[in-house]
Amino acid sequence: MDTILSDSSLQELFLQTLTDKEKHAYTIAQNHLGCSFSLAKANGYVKWKKQYLEKLEKLETNIIKIKNS
């Protein structure tokens, strides 16, 4: 059961988790840095993505265990 999520889908999910204050900071970063800003390289996104994919993998493992028992 391999889940395939595109990076753009993950970025959309990440943006939905931001608080209003974080969304404001994100908008400021985009405006000030312009095309040199990369959400994919942002520390907060990288950390969130790693944790999200680890949780997803654990969930998938548990589902497989349940199906096989």
PDB file of N, CA and C in Angstrom:
ATOM      1  N   MET A   1       0.840  -1.181   0.000  1.00  0.00           N
ATOM      2  CA  MET A   1       0.000   0.000   0.000  1.00  0.00           C
ATOM      3  C   MET A   1       0.882   1.241   0.000  1.00  0.00           C
ATOM      4  N   ASP A   2       1.390   1.608  -1.128  1.00  0.00           N
ATOM      5  CA  ASP A   2       2.244   2.782  -1.247  1.00  0.00           C
ATOM      6  C   ASP A   2       1.408   4.008  -1.581  1.00  0.00           C
ATOM      7  N   THR A   3       1.538   5.027  -0.760  1.00  0.00           N
ATOM      8  CA  THR A   3       0.836   6.275  -1.007  1.00  0.00           C
ATOM      9  C   THR A   3       1.756   7.191  -1.784  1.00  0.00           C
ATOM     10  N   ILE A   4       1.267   7.657  -2.892  1.00  0.00           N
ATOM     11  CA  ILE A   4       2.069   8.562  -3.710  1.00  0.00           C
ATOM     12  C   ILE A   4       1.421   9.937  -3.672  1.00  0.00           C
ATOM     13  N   LEU A   5       2.126  10.870  -3.077  1.00  0.00           N
ATOM     14  CA  LEU A   5       1.661  12.250  -3.015  1.00  0.00           C
ATOM     15  C   LEU A   5       2.683  13.127  -3.705  1.00  0.00           C
ATOM     16  N   SER A   6       2.209  13.979  -4.578  1.00  0.00           N
ATOM     17  CA  SER A   6       3.132  14.894  -5.237  1.00  0.00           C
ATOM     18  C   SER A   6       3.587  15.945  -4.233  1.00  0.00           C
ATOM     19  N   ASP A   7       4.719  16.554  -4.508  1.00  0.00           N
ATOM     20  CA  ASP A   7       5.226  17.582  -3.607  1.00  0.00           C
ATOM     21  C   ASP A   7       4.262  18.758  -3.558  1.00  0.00           C
ATOM     22  N   SER A   8       3.628  19.069  -4.692  1.00  0.00           N
ATOM     23  CA  SER A   8       2.677  20.184  -4.682  1.00  0.00           C
ATOM     24  C   SER A   8       1.464  19.860  -3.805  1.00  0.00           C
ATOM     25  N   SER A   9       1.029  18.595  -3.797  1.00  0.00           N
ATOM     26  CA  SER A   9      -0.076  18.187  -2.923  1.00  0.00           C
ATOM     27  C   SER A   9       0.330  18.301  -1.456  1.00  0.00           C
ATOM     28  N   LEU A  10       1.540  17.900  -1.157  1.00  0.00           N
ATOM     29  CA  LEU A  10       2.036  18.011   0.212  1.00  0.00           C
ATOM     30  C   LEU A  10       2.154  19.475   0.626  1.00  0.00           C
ATOM     31  N   GLN A  11       2.592  20.321  -0.279  1.00  0.00           N
ATOM     32  CA  GLN A  11       2.707  21.747   0.030  1.00  0.00           C
ATOM     33  C   GLN A  11       1.331  22.347   0.297  1.00  0.00           C
ATOM     34  N   GLU A  12       0.334  21.947  -0.460  1.00  0.00           N
ATOM     35  CA  GLU A  12      -1.030  22.422  -0.223  1.00  0.00           C
ATOM     36  C   GLU A  12      -1.519  21.982   1.154  1.00  0.00           C
ATOM     37  N   LEU A  13      -1.263  20.721   1.506  1.00  0.00           N
ATOM     38  CA  LEU A  13      -1.633  20.224   2.831  1.00  0.00           C
ATOM     39  C   LEU A  13      -0.923  21.016   3.932  1.00  0.00           C
ATOM     40  N   PHE A  14       0.356  21.272   3.728  1.00  0.00           N
ATOM     41  CA  PHE A  14       1.137  22.035   4.705  1.00  0.00           C
ATOM     42  C   PHE A  14       0.546  23.428   4.902  1.00  0.00           C
ATOM     43  N   LEU A  15       0.226  24.092   3.808  1.00  0.00           N
ATOM     44  CA  LEU A  15      -0.310  25.450   3.903  1.00  0.00           C
ATOM     45  C   LEU A  15      -1.639  25.472   4.654  1.00  0.00           C
ATOM     46  N   GLN A  16      -2.404  24.398   4.562  1.00  0.00           N
ATOM     47  CA  GLN A  16      -3.677  24.316   5.279  1.00  0.00           C
ATOM     48  C   GLN A  16      -3.479  24.180   6.785  1.00  0.00           C
ATOM     49  N   THR A  17      -2.289  23.753   7.198  1.00  0.00           N
ATOM     50  CA  THR A  17      -2.026  23.572   8.630  1.00  0.00           C
ATOM     51  C   THR A  17      -1.515  24.845   9.304  1.00  0.00           C
ATOM     52  N   LEU A  18      -1.199  25.860   8.523  1.00  0.00           N
ATOM     53  CA  LEU A  18      -0.621  27.074   9.083  1.00  0.00           C
ATOM     54  C   LEU A  18      -1.649  27.902   9.842  1.00  0.00           C
ATOM     55  N   THR A  19      -1.185  28.537  10.903  1.00  0.00           N
ATOM     56  CA  THR A  19      -2.022  29.484  11.639  1.00  0.00           C
ATOM     57  C   THR A  19      -2.100  30.772  10.825  1.00  0.00           C
ATOM     58  N   ASP A  20      -2.980  31.669  11.211  1.00  0.00           N
ATOM     59  CA  ASP A  20      -3.088  32.952  10.503  1.00  0.00           C
ATOM     60  C   ASP A  20      -1.767  33.715  10.543  1.00  0.00           C
ATOM     61  N   LYS A  21      -1.102  33.667  11.676  1.00  0.00           N
ATOM     62  CA  LYS A  21       0.186  34.354  11.829  1.00  0.00           C
ATOM     63  C   LYS A  21       1.235  33.739  10.895  1.00  0.00           C
ATOM     64  N   GLU A  22       1.254  32.417  10.807  1.00  0.00           N
ATOM     65  CA  GLU A  22       2.205  31.722   9.928  1.00  0.00           C
ATOM     66  C   GLU A  22       1.886  32.001   8.455  1.00  0.00           C
ATOM     67  N   LYS A  23       0.605  32.052   8.119  1.00  0.00           N
ATOM     68  CA  LYS A  23       0.209  32.374   6.736  1.00  0.00           C
ATOM     69  C   LYS A  23       0.661  33.774   6.365  1.00  0.00           C
ATOM     70  N   HIS A  24       0.546  34.692   7.311  1.00  0.00           N
ATOM     71  CA  HIS A  24       0.992  36.065   7.074  1.00  0.00           C
ATOM     72  C   HIS A  24       2.506  36.099   6.845  1.00  0.00           C
ATOM     73  N   ALA A  25       3.250  35.379   7.656  1.00  0.00           N
ATOM     74  CA  ALA A  25       4.711  35.311   7.495  1.00  0.00           C
ATOM     75  C   ALA A  25       5.071  34.688   6.151  1.00  0.00           C
ATOM     76  N   TYR A  26       4.327  33.661   5.750  1.00  0.00           N
ATOM     77  CA  TYR A  26       4.545  33.002   4.455  1.00  0.00           C
ATOM     78  C   TYR A  26       4.336  33.992   3.311  1.00  0.00           C
ATOM     79  N   THR A  27       3.267  34.782   3.394  1.00  0.00           N
ATOM     80  CA  THR A  27       2.975  35.777   2.362  1.00  0.00           C
ATOM     81  C   THR A  27       4.063  36.835   2.297  1.00  0.00           C
ATOM     82  N   ILE A  28       4.526  37.273   3.452  1.00  0.00           N
ATOM     83  CA  ILE A  28       5.608  38.269   3.500  1.00  0.00           C
ATOM     84  C   ILE A  28       6.874  37.695   2.866  1.00  0.00           C
ATOM     85  N   ALA A  29       7.206  36.455   3.205  1.00  0.00           N
ATOM     86  CA  ALA A  29       8.403  35.820   2.639  1.00  0.00           C
ATOM     87  C   ALA A  29       8.295  35.733   1.119  1.00  0.00           C
ATOM     88  N   GLN A  30       7.134  35.338   0.619  1.00  0.00           N
ATOM     89  CA  GLN A  30       6.937  35.261  -0.835  1.00  0.00           C
ATOM     90  C   GLN A  30       7.114  36.624  -1.483  1.00  0.00           C
ATOM     91  N   ASN A  31       6.513  37.647  -0.870  1.00  0.00           N
ATOM     92  CA  ASN A  31       6.576  38.992  -1.447  1.00  0.00           C
ATOM     93  C   ASN A  31       7.984  39.574  -1.417  1.00  0.00           C
ATOM     94  N   HIS A  32       8.682  39.359  -0.322  1.00  0.00           N
ATOM     95  CA  HIS A  32      10.021  39.939  -0.182  1.00  0.00           C
ATOM     96  C   HIS A  32      11.088  39.173  -0.955  1.00  0.00           C
ATOM     97  N   LEU A  33      10.958  37.873  -1.017  1.00  0.00           N
ATOM     98  CA  LEU A  33      11.977  37.062  -1.677  1.00  0.00           C
ATOM     99  C   LEU A  33      11.654  36.777  -3.143  1.00  0.00           C
ATOM    100  N   GLY A  34      10.402  36.949  -3.509  1.00  0.00           N
ATOM    101  CA  GLY A  34      10.011  36.750  -4.900  1.00  0.00           C
ATOM    102  C   GLY A  34      10.311  35.349  -5.388  1.00  0.00           C
ATOM    103  N   CYS A  35      10.880  35.277  -6.571  1.00  0.00           N
ATOM    104  CA  CYS A  35      11.120  33.965  -7.187  1.00  0.00           C
ATOM    105  C   CYS A  35      12.224  33.165  -6.488  1.00  0.00           C
ATOM    106  N   SER A  36      12.984  33.798  -5.602  1.00  0.00           N
ATOM    107  CA  SER A  36      14.023  33.043  -4.888  1.00  0.00           C
ATOM    108  C   SER A  36      13.447  32.288  -3.689  1.00  0.00           C
ATOM    109  N   PHE A  37      12.176  32.549  -3.346  1.00  0.00           N
ATOM    110  CA  PHE A  37      11.541  31.824  -2.247  1.00  0.00           C
ATOM    111  C   PHE A  37      11.092  30.451  -2.725  1.00  0.00           C
ATOM    112  N   SER A  38      11.411  29.431  -1.936  1.00  0.00           N
ATOM    113  CA  SER A  38      11.010  28.069  -2.267  1.00  0.00           C
ATOM    114  C   SER A  38      10.422  27.404  -1.033  1.00  0.00           C
ATOM    115  N   LEU A  39       9.118  27.146  -1.073  1.00  0.00           N
ATOM    116  CA  LEU A  39       8.479  26.474   0.054  1.00  0.00           C
ATOM    117  C   LEU A  39       9.101  25.094   0.265  1.00  0.00           C
ATOM    118  N   ALA A  40       9.459  24.426  -0.813  1.00  0.00           N
ATOM    119  CA  ALA A  40      10.042  23.087  -0.729  1.00  0.00           C
ATOM    120  C   ALA A  40      11.349  23.077   0.065  1.00  0.00           C
ATOM    121  N   LYS A  41      12.024  24.217   0.148  1.00  0.00           N
ATOM    122  CA  LYS A  41      13.290  24.299   0.868  1.00  0.00           C
ATOM    123  C   LYS A  41      13.154  24.973   2.234  1.00  0.00           C
ATOM    124  N   ALA A  42      11.954  25.440   2.554  1.00  0.00           N
ATOM    125  CA  ALA A  42      11.731  26.126   3.831  1.00  0.00           C
ATOM    126  C   ALA A  42      11.849  25.122   4.981  1.00  0.00           C
ATOM    127  N   ASN A  43      12.551  25.518   6.027  1.00  0.00           N
ATOM    128  CA  ASN A  43      12.790  24.619   7.162  1.00  0.00           C
ATOM    129  C   ASN A  43      11.501  24.068   7.754  1.00  0.00           C
ATOM    130  N   GLY A  44      10.518  24.916   7.935  1.00  0.00           N
ATOM    131  CA  GLY A  44       9.257  24.472   8.522  1.00  0.00           C
ATOM    132  C   GLY A  44       8.559  23.436   7.669  1.00  0.00           C
ATOM    133  N   TYR A  45       8.577  23.635   6.354  1.00  0.00           N
ATOM    134  CA  TYR A  45       7.939  22.682   5.451  1.00  0.00           C
ATOM    135  C   TYR A  45       8.696  21.358   5.435  1.00  0.00           C
ATOM    136  N   VAL A  46      10.004  21.424   5.378  1.00  0.00           N
ATOM    137  CA  VAL A  46      10.825  20.208   5.337  1.00  0.00           C
ATOM    138  C   VAL A  46      10.582  19.367   6.598  1.00  0.00           C
ATOM    139  N   LYS A  47      10.538  20.022   7.755  1.00  0.00           N
ATOM    140  CA  LYS A  47      10.296  19.319   9.015  1.00  0.00           C
ATOM    141  C   LYS A  47       8.892  18.723   9.025  1.00  0.00           C
ATOM    142  N   TRP A  48       7.886  19.519   8.628  1.00  0.00           N
ATOM    143  CA  TRP A  48       6.508  19.043   8.589  1.00  0.00           C
ATOM    144  C   TRP A  48       6.365  17.854   7.642  1.00  0.00           C
ATOM    145  N   LYS A  49       6.965  17.944   6.465  1.00  0.00           N
ATOM    146  CA  LYS A  49       6.861  16.884   5.464  1.00  0.00           C
ATOM    147  C   LYS A  49       7.440  15.580   5.992  1.00  0.00           C
ATOM    148  N   LYS A  50       8.587  15.660   6.636  1.00  0.00           N
ATOM    149  CA  LYS A  50       9.218  14.461   7.191  1.00  0.00           C
ATOM    150  C   LYS A  50       8.301  13.814   8.223  1.00  0.00           C
ATOM    151  N   GLN A  51       7.775  14.613   9.144  1.00  0.00           N
ATOM    152  CA  GLN A  51       6.892  14.090  10.179  1.00  0.00           C
ATOM    153  C   GLN A  51       5.604  13.535   9.574  1.00  0.00           C
ATOM    154  N   TYR A  52       5.037  14.229   8.603  1.00  0.00           N
ATOM    155  CA  TYR A  52       3.798  13.804   7.972  1.00  0.00           C
ATOM    156  C   TYR A  52       3.979  12.459   7.272  1.00  0.00           C
ATOM    157  N   LEU A  53       5.052  12.324   6.512  1.00  0.00           N
ATOM    158  CA  LEU A  53       5.297  11.077   5.789  1.00  0.00           C
ATOM    159  C   LEU A  53       5.597   9.914   6.743  1.00  0.00           C
ATOM    160  N   GLU A  54       6.268  10.209   7.857  1.00  0.00           N
ATOM    161  CA  GLU A  54       6.520   9.170   8.860  1.00  0.00           C
ATOM    162  C   GLU A  54       5.208   8.693   9.485  1.00  0.00           C
ATOM    163  N   LYS A  55       4.315   9.629   9.813  1.00  0.00           N
ATOM    164  CA  LYS A  55       3.012   9.260  10.375  1.00  0.00           C
ATOM    165  C   LYS A  55       2.197   8.468   9.366  1.00  0.00           C
ATOM    166  N   LEU A  56       2.239   8.886   8.122  1.00  0.00           N
ATOM    167  CA  LEU A  56       1.500   8.190   7.076  1.00  0.00           C
ATOM    168  C   LEU A  56       2.013   6.769   6.891  1.00  0.00           C
ATOM    169  N   GLU A  57       3.328   6.607   6.944  1.00  0.00           N
ATOM    170  CA  GLU A  57       3.927   5.280   6.805  1.00  0.00           C
ATOM    171  C   GLU A  57       3.519   4.371   7.966  1.00  0.00           C
ATOM    172  N   LYS A  58       3.514   4.916   9.179  1.00  0.00           N
ATOM    173  CA  LYS A  58       3.092   4.130  10.347  1.00  0.00           C
ATOM    174  C   LYS A  58       1.628   3.725  10.209  1.00  0.00           C
ATOM    175  N   LEU A  59       0.803   4.629   9.755  1.00  0.00           N
ATOM    176  CA  LEU A  59      -0.612   4.331   9.569  1.00  0.00           C
ATOM    177  C   LEU A  59      -0.809   3.227   8.536  1.00  0.00           C
ATOM    178  N   GLU A  60      -0.099   3.323   7.439  1.00  0.00           N
ATOM    179  CA  GLU A  60      -0.178   2.298   6.396  1.00  0.00           C
ATOM    180  C   GLU A  60       0.289   0.937   6.924  1.00  0.00           C
ATOM    181  N   THR A  61       1.350   0.940   7.716  1.00  0.00           N
ATOM    182  CA  THR A  61       1.852  -0.299   8.298  1.00  0.00           C
ATOM    183  C   THR A  61       0.806  -0.926   9.210  1.00  0.00           C
ATOM    184  N   ASN A  62       0.174  -0.097  10.019  1.00  0.00           N
ATOM    185  CA  ASN A  62      -0.864  -0.603  10.929  1.00  0.00           C
ATOM    186  C   ASN A  62      -2.056  -1.147  10.163  1.00  0.00           C
ATOM    187  N   ILE A  63      -2.425  -0.513   9.076  1.00  0.00           N
ATOM    188  CA  ILE A  63      -3.550  -0.988   8.245  1.00  0.00           C
ATOM    189  C   ILE A  63      -3.210  -2.355   7.646  1.00  0.00           C
ATOM    190  N   ILE A  64      -1.993  -2.493   7.178  1.00  0.00           N
ATOM    191  CA  ILE A  64      -1.562  -3.785   6.596  1.00  0.00           C
ATOM    192  C   ILE A  64      -1.583  -4.869   7.658  1.00  0.00           C
ATOM    193  N   LYS A  65      -1.111  -4.547   8.880  1.00  0.00           N
ATOM    194  CA  LYS A  65      -1.119  -5.525   9.964  1.00  0.00           C
ATOM    195  C   LYS A  65      -2.543  -5.968  10.287  1.00  0.00           C
ATOM    196  N   ILE A  66      -3.460  -5.022  10.315  1.00  0.00           N
ATOM    197  CA  ILE A  66      -4.860  -5.334  10.617  1.00  0.00           C
ATOM    198  C   ILE A  66      -5.459  -6.204   9.519  1.00  0.00           C
ATOM    199  N   LYS A  67      -5.167  -5.876   8.278  1.00  0.00           N
ATOM    200  CA  LYS A  67      -5.704  -6.655   7.150  1.00  0.00           C
ATOM    201  C   LYS A  67      -5.165  -8.081   7.162  1.00  0.00           C
ATOM    202  N   ASN A  68      -3.927  -8.261   7.589  1.00  0.00           N
ATOM    203  CA  ASN A  68      -3.293  -9.569   7.571  1.00  0.00           C
ATOM    204  C   ASN A  68      -3.587 -10.401   8.818  1.00  0.00           C
ATOM    205  N   SER A  69      -4.261  -9.824   9.784  1.00  0.00           N
ATOM    206  CA  SER A  69      -4.540 -10.599  11.002  1.00  0.00           C
ATOM    207  C   SER A  69      -5.921 -11.218  10.983  1.00  0.00           C
TER     208      SER A  69
END
